[in-house]
C-alpha cells in the first residue's frame, strides 16, 4: 500500500525515468549519432519549442542525472562551459516552463548557445549513457536551429563557411593546389578499372602532413598490389559544416561530390580520414548515395600478412583511438594490428571506447578554443606520459592537433606517425635501414 501511494508522485520527480527509460532505449534512433534529416522547407533544426520532437522530449525526461556523460566529455574536462547533462536537462526545464509548442528560442535561458558550439561531437556522452539518450542529434539540432536561422555569429565559423563556398575545401586553398599535388606525385586518375577510388579529402589534398600520409599509403598500396586512382576534382565531404549545423552548405558539397563520383562510376572508396568515411558512408545517404567506403586501417589490417614484420629495433608506439574511427565505426583492433608488425603497441590511460578526443571534431578544428585548457594539450600530455617513442594516429585531424600540442610539451617530443607511415616504414625497414 505504501508503494502504491507513491506511484502518483513519480511523474513529478526525477524518478520518472524508472517508467520511461525502457521506452527511450527501445525507441532511440538507429545508429550512433544519427542526425535526422530536415523535413520540409520550414524545418531548420531545433530552434524553438515547436521543433522539439516526441523522441527529444522522451529522452529529456529519461535522464537519470548520473553524470556519466559529463565525466567523459572532453570539453567539460578541459574547463569549457559545455556539460552534456545540462543540455538534456535544459531541454527538460524548457518543456516544463515553456511547453513543447512555444515560440521562445531554445538557446538562451535554459540552454547555453556557447556550450552547444563547444561540442567536439566525439560521442563519449552518447556512448556512455545508460538509458539510451542520444545527445549528439540534440546538440547538432540546436546548432542547426541557430545557423540555419542566422542567429549564430562566429568569426572563425563564418570564415570557414566562406572558404568552403569559394574554394570547396575547409582549409581555403585554391583547388588548383590539389591538382598540382596529384601531377607532381604522378597519382593515377580513377578510370573505373582500379579497385579503389582513393579519396584524398581536404587534409590529404592540401595539408603538408596529410599529403605525407597519402603518399605513404600510396607506397603501401603499390607494394601490396592494390590498384587505385584519384578523382581529378574533389570537394570537402561537408563534415565540418554538417556538424556545425549548416545544412544548405552541406547539401551543396555532398551533391557536387556525388555527381563527380557517379560520373566516374565509382563504387568503392578508400580514405585516410574517419570523418570522410562517416560522412560519405552515412550522411550522404540523405541524397541517395550508396558508396562503399573503407578506412585505410581496415584495408591494411586485412592485408597485414603481406606486410613485412620488423624483428629488431621495435619501438614502443602509443595509439590514439580517433573518435570517428572508434565510437562511430567500431574499429579498434585493426590499427593496432598494423602497428604490431612494426613496433610494440601501448595504450594510454583512456583508450578504445573510453578514448579522449583530440579536440578537432564537430568543426572545432576551425573555431577558436578560448576557454579552459586546450583539448589537444590534455590528450597529448596523456599520450606522452606513456613514455612511448612514437604516437600512432589513424586520422589526419588527430595528426594535426597532436603536431601542434606535442611541440609545446617538450623540445624532444615523441615522433608522430599515421599507421600508413608506420606500414611504409615496415616496408622500408625490410629493404634496409631508415624510416619513412
Foldseek 3Di string as FASTA:
>chain_A
DVVVVCVVVCVVDLNVLVPLLVVLQVPPDPAALDADDADDPPGQFQWDLQNQDPSLQSLLSNDSPPQQLQVQFLQNVQFHPARLNQLSPLNVVCCVPPNNRHPDTSDDDRHPPRRLLQHQPLRLSQLRDPSRRRSQNNSLRSLSNCVVVVNDDAPLVVVQLVLCVPQQASVNDHQVQLLVLCVVVVFAAQQPPFPAAEEQARCCRPPPVSVVLVVLLVLVCVLLVHGYHYHSDAGHCCQQVSLSNVVVSNVVRLVVRQVRCVVSVAAEYEYLALSSQCSQCRVSVVVVHHHHYDYVLVVCLVVVVSFAADDPPAFEEEEADASSVAVRVPDAVSLVSLSNSRHHYDYFPQHGSSGQHLSPHNPRVRHDPDGGDRSNLVNLVRRVVVVTLEYEYRHVSSQVSVVVNQVVPDVRGHHYYYSSQSSSQSNVVVVHDDGD
